[in-house]
Amino acid sequence: MGSFLVIGMGRFGSSIAINLCQMKHDVLVVEVDEDIASAIAPRVTDVIIGDVKDEGVLRSLGVKNFDCIVVAIGDAIEDSVLTTIMLKEMGAKKLVCKAKNEWHTKILTQLGADKVICPESDMGRRVAHSLAQQNIIDYLEISPDYGIIEVIVPSGWVGKSLAEHHLRRKHGITVIAVRCAMDDKVVFSPGGEMVLSENDVLTIIGLKKDLDKVCSLK
């Protein structure tokens, strides 16, 4: 069980806070709007009503005690930047920040945020990949070079085992899960002996350039 501090209860922040709590983590939420704070209170561990631009409010939270802090106030860039600076100065262990655009992302990265998420841009990339390649179900960028895709098994792979395709040697990719079309069962870390069937869904990790090649297979 981890301890999380989530600042800002817009759609992004509230979704993170609620899901973390559902996963049995301790989640403290900070929100300046009393009505929003009251609405989220039953679904998280604890709520504090306060303005994080006030250094005293932040210091009272015991920033160093949290495993991770999420700054989810990306729409107010000045507030986001100021909060990030203060949290870094107070010794935050891990800092995840929401950004509004690429410029905001660069600033937060330079300030020392451990991870910066730009929801609109990230979702745009995921949708673009799924539209450009019809066999892609989902796409997730995990670094500038690496990604994860969910893709319908290429027809040329059907009826053969994973080992027969020599995926790492020939394609530079790793299949980390298979959702079987026959019974909708998900097999994690499938063995090389697993035989692929039509319409199975593969979850694959690898370099983007290698994933693009897989996506082009029929």
C-alpha atoms as a PDB file:
ATOM      1  CA  MET A   1       0.000   0.000   0.000  1.00  0.00           C
ATOM      2  CA  GLY A   2       1.397   3.391  -1.006  1.00  0.00           C
ATOM      3  CA  SER A   3       0.694   6.906   0.181  1.00  0.00           C
ATOM      4  CA  PHE A   4      -0.319   9.511  -2.378  1.00  0.00           C
ATOM      5  CA  LEU A   5      -1.030  13.227  -2.311  1.00  0.00           C
ATOM      6  CA  VAL A   6      -3.194  14.475  -5.190  1.00  0.00           C
ATOM      7  CA  ILE A   7      -3.516  18.227  -5.678  1.00  0.00           C
ATOM      8  CA  GLY A   8      -6.425  19.499  -7.775  1.00  0.00           C
ATOM      9  CA  MET A   9      -9.714  17.699  -8.318  1.00  0.00           C
ATOM     10  CA  GLY A  10     -10.540  18.318 -11.950  1.00  0.00           C
ATOM     11  CA  ARG A  11     -11.444  15.299 -14.103  1.00  0.00           C
ATOM     12  CA  PHE A  12      -7.805  14.215 -14.320  1.00  0.00           C
ATOM     13  CA  GLY A  13      -6.966  14.570 -10.628  1.00  0.00           C
ATOM     14  CA  SER A  14     -10.217  13.094  -9.341  1.00  0.00           C
ATOM     15  CA  SER A  15      -9.897  10.075 -11.635  1.00  0.00           C
ATOM     16  CA  ILE A  16      -6.379   9.373 -10.365  1.00  0.00           C
ATOM     17  CA  ALA A  17      -7.358   9.835  -6.724  1.00  0.00           C
ATOM     18  CA  ILE A  18     -10.441   7.615  -6.928  1.00  0.00           C
ATOM     19  CA  ASN A  19      -8.653   4.837  -8.812  1.00  0.00           C
ATOM     20  CA  LEU A  20      -5.698   4.843  -6.415  1.00  0.00           C
ATOM     21  CA  CYS A  21      -8.090   4.587  -3.479  1.00  0.00           C
ATOM     22  CA  GLN A  22      -9.937   1.712  -5.139  1.00  0.00           C
ATOM     23  CA  MET A  23      -6.555  -0.011  -5.399  1.00  0.00           C
ATOM     24  CA  LYS A  24      -6.323   0.208  -1.573  1.00  0.00           C
ATOM     25  CA  HIS A  25      -3.740   3.013  -1.432  1.00  0.00           C
ATOM     26  CA  ASP A  26      -3.884   5.893   1.032  1.00  0.00           C
ATOM     27  CA  VAL A  27      -4.886   9.033  -0.862  1.00  0.00           C
ATOM     28  CA  LEU A  28      -4.930  12.542   0.555  1.00  0.00           C
ATOM     29  CA  VAL A  29      -6.600  15.103  -1.680  1.00  0.00           C
ATOM     30  CA  VAL A  30      -6.082  18.871  -1.583  1.00  0.00           C
ATOM     31  CA  GLU A  31      -8.705  21.059  -3.257  1.00  0.00           C
ATOM     32  CA  VAL A  32      -9.419  24.774  -2.925  1.00  0.00           C
ATOM     33  CA  ASP A  33     -13.122  24.538  -3.821  1.00  0.00           C
ATOM     34  CA  GLU A  34     -15.221  23.398  -0.838  1.00  0.00           C
ATOM     35  CA  ASP A  35     -18.036  21.947  -2.948  1.00  0.00           C
ATOM     36  CA  ILE A  36     -15.654  19.850  -5.042  1.00  0.00           C
ATOM     37  CA  ALA A  37     -13.802  18.731  -1.908  1.00  0.00           C
ATOM     38  CA  SER A  38     -17.062  17.648  -0.281  1.00  0.00           C
ATOM     39  CA  ALA A  39     -18.096  15.683  -3.370  1.00  0.00           C
ATOM     40  CA  ILE A  40     -14.831  13.727  -3.569  1.00  0.00           C
ATOM     41  CA  ALA A  41     -14.452  13.136   0.193  1.00  0.00           C
ATOM     42  CA  PRO A  42     -16.433   9.840   0.402  1.00  0.00           C
ATOM     43  CA  ARG A  43     -14.288   8.287  -2.332  1.00  0.00           C
ATOM     44  CA  VAL A  44     -10.769   8.985  -1.009  1.00  0.00           C
ATOM     45  CA  THR A  45      -8.904   8.531   2.272  1.00  0.00           C
ATOM     46  CA  ASP A  46      -8.892  12.147   3.364  1.00  0.00           C
ATOM     47  CA  VAL A  47      -9.469  15.656   2.008  1.00  0.00           C
ATOM     48  CA  ILE A  48      -7.951  18.999   2.920  1.00  0.00           C
ATOM     49  CA  ILE A  49      -9.511  22.243   1.702  1.00  0.00           C
ATOM     50  CA  GLY A  50      -6.744  24.711   0.967  1.00  0.00           C
ATOM     51  CA  ASP A  51      -4.850  26.771  -1.593  1.00  0.00           C
ATOM     52  CA  VAL A  52      -1.521  25.108  -2.415  1.00  0.00           C
ATOM     53  CA  LYS A  53      -0.111  28.419  -3.637  1.00  0.00           C
ATOM     54  CA  ASP A  54       0.142  29.181   0.077  1.00  0.00           C
ATOM     55  CA  GLU A  55       3.498  27.742   1.144  1.00  0.00           C
ATOM     56  CA  GLY A  56       2.170  27.257   4.666  1.00  0.00           C
ATOM     57  CA  VAL A  57      -0.577  24.954   3.385  1.00  0.00           C
ATOM     58  CA  LEU A  58       1.941  22.798   1.528  1.00  0.00           C
ATOM     59  CA  ARG A  59       4.318  22.582   4.476  1.00  0.00           C
ATOM     60  CA  SER A  60       1.487  21.483   6.755  1.00  0.00           C
ATOM     61  CA  LEU A  61       0.926  18.414   4.551  1.00  0.00           C
ATOM     62  CA  GLY A  62       4.262  16.759   5.339  1.00  0.00           C
ATOM     63  CA  VAL A  63       5.341  16.445   1.725  1.00  0.00           C
ATOM     64  CA  LYS A  64       8.270  14.107   2.471  1.00  0.00           C
ATOM     65  CA  ASN A  65       5.917  11.486   3.927  1.00  0.00           C
ATOM     66  CA  PHE A  66       4.223  10.673   0.616  1.00  0.00           C
ATOM     67  CA  ASP A  67       5.505   8.055  -1.817  1.00  0.00           C
ATOM     68  CA  CYS A  68       4.211  10.127  -4.733  1.00  0.00           C
ATOM     69  CA  ILE A  69       2.624  13.531  -5.228  1.00  0.00           C
ATOM     70  CA  VAL A  70       0.390  14.309  -8.219  1.00  0.00           C
ATOM     71  CA  VAL A  71       0.018  17.955  -9.248  1.00  0.00           C
ATOM     72  CA  ALA A  72      -3.192  17.872 -11.282  1.00  0.00           C
ATOM     73  CA  ILE A  73      -3.701  21.610 -11.800  1.00  0.00           C
ATOM     74  CA  GLY A  74      -2.386  21.746 -15.351  1.00  0.00           C
ATOM     75  CA  ASP A  75      -4.939  24.246 -16.662  1.00  0.00           C
ATOM     76  CA  ALA A  76      -3.547  26.999 -14.400  1.00  0.00           C
ATOM     77  CA  ILE A  77       0.045  26.978 -15.640  1.00  0.00           C
ATOM     78  CA  GLU A  78       1.373  29.584 -13.205  1.00  0.00           C
ATOM     79  CA  ASP A  79      -0.147  27.752 -10.217  1.00  0.00           C
ATOM     80  CA  SER A  80       1.197  24.425 -11.500  1.00  0.00           C
ATOM     81  CA  VAL A  81       4.732  25.781 -11.899  1.00  0.00           C
ATOM     82  CA  LEU A  82       4.743  27.508  -8.519  1.00  0.00           C
ATOM     83  CA  THR A  83       3.434  24.396  -6.750  1.00  0.00           C
ATOM     84  CA  THR A  84       6.009  22.191  -8.464  1.00  0.00           C
ATOM     85  CA  ILE A  85       8.861  24.482  -7.425  1.00  0.00           C
ATOM     86  CA  MET A  86       7.730  24.519  -3.788  1.00  0.00           C
ATOM     87  CA  LEU A  87       7.220  20.747  -3.670  1.00  0.00           C
ATOM     88  CA  LYS A  88      10.710  20.112  -5.051  1.00  0.00           C
ATOM     89  CA  GLU A  89      12.189  22.496  -2.477  1.00  0.00           C
ATOM     90  CA  MET A  90      10.310  20.662   0.279  1.00  0.00           C
ATOM     91  CA  GLY A  91      11.827  17.323  -0.738  1.00  0.00           C
ATOM     92  CA  ALA A  92       9.013  15.520  -2.565  1.00  0.00           C
ATOM     93  CA  LYS A  93      10.120  11.917  -3.229  1.00  0.00           C
ATOM     94  CA  LYS A  94       8.323  11.500  -6.553  1.00  0.00           C
ATOM     95  CA  LEU A  95       6.484  14.208  -8.426  1.00  0.00           C
ATOM     96  CA  VAL A  96       4.005  13.602 -11.240  1.00  0.00           C
ATOM     97  CA  CYS A  97       2.555  16.687 -12.919  1.00  0.00           C
ATOM     98  CA  LYS A  98      -0.226  17.375 -15.405  1.00  0.00           C
ATOM     99  CA  ALA A  99       0.701  19.714 -18.257  1.00  0.00           C
ATOM    100  CA  LYS A 100      -1.487  21.755 -20.563  1.00  0.00           C
ATOM    101  CA  ASN A 101       0.799  21.779 -23.601  1.00  0.00           C
ATOM    102  CA  GLU A 102       4.333  20.975 -24.792  1.00  0.00           C
ATOM    103  CA  TRP A 103       5.724  24.278 -23.526  1.00  0.00           C
ATOM    104  CA  HIS A 104       4.276  23.581 -20.078  1.00  0.00           C
ATOM    105  CA  THR A 105       5.690  20.046 -20.245  1.00  0.00           C
ATOM    106  CA  LYS A 106       9.206  21.360 -20.913  1.00  0.00           C
ATOM    107  CA  ILE A 107       9.023  23.776 -17.987  1.00  0.00           C
ATOM    108  CA  LEU A 108       7.837  21.117 -15.530  1.00  0.00           C
ATOM    109  CA  THR A 109      10.518  18.712 -16.736  1.00  0.00           C
ATOM    110  CA  GLN A 110      13.217  21.339 -16.264  1.00  0.00           C
ATOM    111  CA  LEU A 111      11.902  22.006 -12.760  1.00  0.00           C
ATOM    112  CA  GLY A 112      12.528  18.374 -11.863  1.00  0.00           C
ATOM    113  CA  ALA A 113       9.144  16.669 -12.220  1.00  0.00           C
ATOM    114  CA  ASP A 114       9.721  12.890 -12.373  1.00  0.00           C
ATOM    115  CA  LYS A 115       6.893  12.398 -14.869  1.00  0.00           C
ATOM    116  CA  VAL A 116       4.823  14.890 -16.853  1.00  0.00           C
ATOM    117  CA  ILE A 117       1.487  13.897 -18.355  1.00  0.00           C
ATOM    118  CA  CYS A 118      -0.268  15.932 -21.036  1.00  0.00           C
ATOM    119  CA  PRO A 119      -3.687  14.200 -21.255  1.00  0.00           C
ATOM    120  CA  GLU A 120      -4.932  15.841 -24.457  1.00  0.00           C
ATOM    121  CA  SER A 121      -1.675  15.266 -26.332  1.00  0.00           C
ATOM    122  CA  ASP A 122      -1.238  11.710 -25.014  1.00  0.00           C
ATOM    123  CA  MET A 123      -4.790  10.772 -25.961  1.00  0.00           C
ATOM    124  CA  GLY A 124      -4.325  12.360 -29.378  1.00  0.00           C
ATOM    125  CA  ARG A 125      -1.320  10.144 -30.063  1.00  0.00           C
ATOM    126  CA  ARG A 126      -3.205   7.047 -28.948  1.00  0.00           C
ATOM    127  CA  VAL A 127      -6.208   7.801 -31.146  1.00  0.00           C
ATOM    128  CA  ALA A 128      -3.999   8.717 -34.119  1.00  0.00           C
ATOM    129  CA  HIS A 129      -2.193   5.377 -33.941  1.00  0.00           C
ATOM    130  CA  SER A 130      -5.456   3.437 -33.709  1.00  0.00           C
ATOM    131  CA  LEU A 131      -6.885   5.323 -36.693  1.00  0.00           C
ATOM    132  CA  ALA A 132      -3.767   5.021 -38.846  1.00  0.00           C
ATOM    133  CA  GLN A 133      -3.474   1.263 -38.344  1.00  0.00           C
ATOM    134  CA  GLN A 134      -6.791  -0.570 -38.298  1.00  0.00           C
ATOM    135  CA  ASN A 135      -5.408  -3.609 -36.469  1.00  0.00           C
ATOM    136  CA  ILE A 136      -4.210  -1.474 -33.507  1.00  0.00           C
ATOM    137  CA  ILE A 137      -6.611  -1.475 -30.565  1.00  0.00           C
ATOM    138  CA  ASP A 138      -4.593   0.764 -28.250  1.00  0.00           C
ATOM    139  CA  TYR A 139      -1.216   2.485 -28.058  1.00  0.00           C
ATOM    140  CA  LEU A 140       0.740   3.804 -25.084  1.00  0.00           C
ATOM    141  CA  GLU A 141       3.980   5.773 -25.260  1.00  0.00           C
ATOM    142  CA  ILE A 142       6.218   4.929 -22.284  1.00  0.00           C
ATOM    143  CA  SER A 143       9.287   6.913 -23.348  1.00  0.00           C
ATOM    144  CA  PRO A 144      10.504   8.867 -26.396  1.00  0.00           C
ATOM    145  CA  ASP A 145      11.741   5.593 -27.924  1.00  0.00           C
ATOM    146  CA  TYR A 146       9.556   2.830 -26.477  1.00  0.00           C
ATOM    147  CA  GLY A 147       5.859   2.061 -26.580  1.00  0.00           C
ATOM    148  CA  ILE A 148       3.251  -0.587 -25.838  1.00  0.00           C
ATOM    149  CA  ILE A 149       0.549  -1.612 -28.294  1.00  0.00           C
ATOM    150  CA  GLU A 150      -2.490  -3.830 -28.242  1.00  0.00           C
ATOM    151  CA  VAL A 151      -2.828  -5.325 -31.692  1.00  0.00           C
ATOM    152  CA  ILE A 152      -4.900  -8.030 -33.364  1.00  0.00           C
ATOM    153  CA  VAL A 153      -2.598 -10.916 -34.236  1.00  0.00           C
ATOM    154  CA  PRO A 154      -1.355 -10.666 -37.855  1.00  0.00           C
ATOM    155  CA  SER A 155      -2.864 -13.382 -40.036  1.00  0.00           C
ATOM    156  CA  GLY A 156       0.616 -14.697 -40.860  1.00  0.00           C
ATOM    157  CA  TRP A 157       1.194 -15.504 -37.198  1.00  0.00           C
ATOM    158  CA  VAL A 158      -2.008 -17.522 -36.732  1.00  0.00           C
ATOM    159  CA  GLY A 159      -1.556 -21.248 -36.114  1.00  0.00           C
ATOM    160  CA  LYS A 160       2.074 -20.915 -35.030  1.00  0.00           C
ATOM    161  CA  SER A 161       3.645 -20.648 -31.586  1.00  0.00           C
ATOM    162  CA  LEU A 162       5.346 -17.520 -30.296  1.00  0.00           C
ATOM    163  CA  ALA A 163       8.694 -19.326 -30.356  1.00  0.00           C
ATOM    164  CA  GLU A 164       8.331 -20.144 -34.056  1.00  0.00           C
ATOM    165  CA  HIS A 165       8.186 -16.443 -34.891  1.00  0.00           C
ATOM    166  CA  HIS A 166      11.480 -15.582 -33.103  1.00  0.00           C
ATOM    167  CA  LEU A 167       9.910 -12.250 -32.182  1.00  0.00           C
ATOM    168  CA  ARG A 168      12.833 -10.771 -30.249  1.00  0.00           C
ATOM    169  CA  ARG A 169      15.463 -11.777 -32.790  1.00  0.00           C
ATOM    170  CA  LYS A 170      13.518 -10.976 -35.956  1.00  0.00           C
ATOM    171  CA  HIS A 171      11.302  -8.116 -34.813  1.00  0.00           C
ATOM    172  CA  GLY A 172      12.948  -6.758 -31.629  1.00  0.00           C
ATOM    173  CA  ILE A 173       9.687  -6.992 -29.675  1.00  0.00           C
ATOM    174  CA  THR A 174       8.327  -8.808 -26.628  1.00  0.00           C
ATOM    175  CA  VAL A 175       4.782 -10.122 -26.226  1.00  0.00           C
ATOM    176  CA  ILE A 176       3.829  -9.489 -22.601  1.00  0.00           C
ATOM    177  CA  ALA A 177       0.209 -10.681 -22.775  1.00  0.00           C
ATOM    178  CA  VAL A 178      -2.249 -12.457 -25.058  1.00  0.00           C
ATOM    179  CA  ARG A 179      -6.035 -12.116 -24.851  1.00  0.00           C
ATOM    180  CA  CYS A 180      -7.428 -15.278 -26.366  1.00  0.00           C
ATOM    181  CA  ALA A 181     -10.326 -14.750 -28.770  1.00  0.00           C
ATOM    182  CA  MET A 182     -11.850 -18.138 -27.973  1.00  0.00           C
ATOM    183  CA  ASP A 183     -12.608 -17.527 -24.270  1.00  0.00           C
ATOM    184  CA  ASP A 184     -11.468 -13.904 -23.687  1.00  0.00           C
ATOM    185  CA  LYS A 185      -8.916 -15.209 -21.193  1.00  0.00           C
ATOM    186  CA  VAL A 186      -5.766 -13.115 -20.747  1.00  0.00           C
ATOM    187  CA  VAL A 187      -2.434 -14.930 -20.515  1.00  0.00           C
ATOM    188  CA  PHE A 188       0.335 -12.816 -19.022  1.00  0.00           C
ATOM    189  CA  SER A 189       4.014 -13.499 -19.883  1.00  0.00           C
ATOM    190  CA  PRO A 190       2.999 -16.231 -22.350  1.00  0.00           C
ATOM    191  CA  GLY A 191       5.477 -19.034 -22.952  1.00  0.00           C
ATOM    192  CA  GLY A 192       7.070 -19.675 -26.320  1.00  0.00           C
ATOM    193  CA  GLU A 193       4.901 -22.758 -26.784  1.00  0.00           C
ATOM    194  CA  MET A 194       1.685 -20.720 -26.914  1.00  0.00           C
ATOM    195  CA  VAL A 195      -0.023 -21.087 -30.292  1.00  0.00           C
ATOM    196  CA  LEU A 196      -1.774 -17.982 -31.625  1.00  0.00           C
ATOM    197  CA  SER A 197      -5.333 -18.098 -32.917  1.00  0.00           C
ATOM    198  CA  GLU A 198      -7.290 -15.830 -35.230  1.00  0.00           C
ATOM    199  CA  ASN A 199      -8.418 -12.572 -33.572  1.00  0.00           C
ATOM    200  CA  ASP A 200      -6.205 -13.046 -30.506  1.00  0.00           C
ATOM    201  CA  VAL A 201      -5.080  -9.680 -29.127  1.00  0.00           C
ATOM    202  CA  LEU A 202      -1.380  -9.247 -28.374  1.00  0.00           C
ATOM    203  CA  THR A 203       0.074  -6.735 -25.935  1.00  0.00           C
ATOM    204  CA  ILE A 204       3.559  -5.940 -27.223  1.00  0.00           C
ATOM    205  CA  ILE A 205       6.393  -3.779 -25.885  1.00  0.00           C
ATOM    206  CA  GLY A 206       9.318  -2.550 -27.937  1.00  0.00           C
ATOM    207  CA  LEU A 207      10.986   0.297 -29.783  1.00  0.00           C
ATOM    208  CA  LYS A 208       8.491   2.453 -31.660  1.00  0.00           C
ATOM    209  CA  LYS A 209      10.142   1.733 -34.993  1.00  0.00           C
ATOM    210  CA  ASP A 210       9.812  -2.012 -34.376  1.00  0.00           C
ATOM    211  CA  LEU A 211       6.210  -1.686 -33.243  1.00  0.00           C
ATOM    212  CA  ASP A 212       5.397   0.250 -36.423  1.00  0.00           C
ATOM    213  CA  LYS A 213       6.752  -2.645 -38.489  1.00  0.00           C
ATOM    214  CA  VAL A 214       4.588  -5.131 -36.616  1.00  0.00           C
ATOM    215  CA  CYS A 215       1.535  -2.925 -37.143  1.00  0.00           C
ATOM    216  CA  SER A 216       2.114  -2.970 -40.882  1.00  0.00           C
ATOM    217  CA  LEU A 217       1.954  -6.779 -41.000  1.00  0.00           C
ATOM    218  CA  LYS A 218      -1.219  -8.306 -42.359  1.00  0.00           C
END
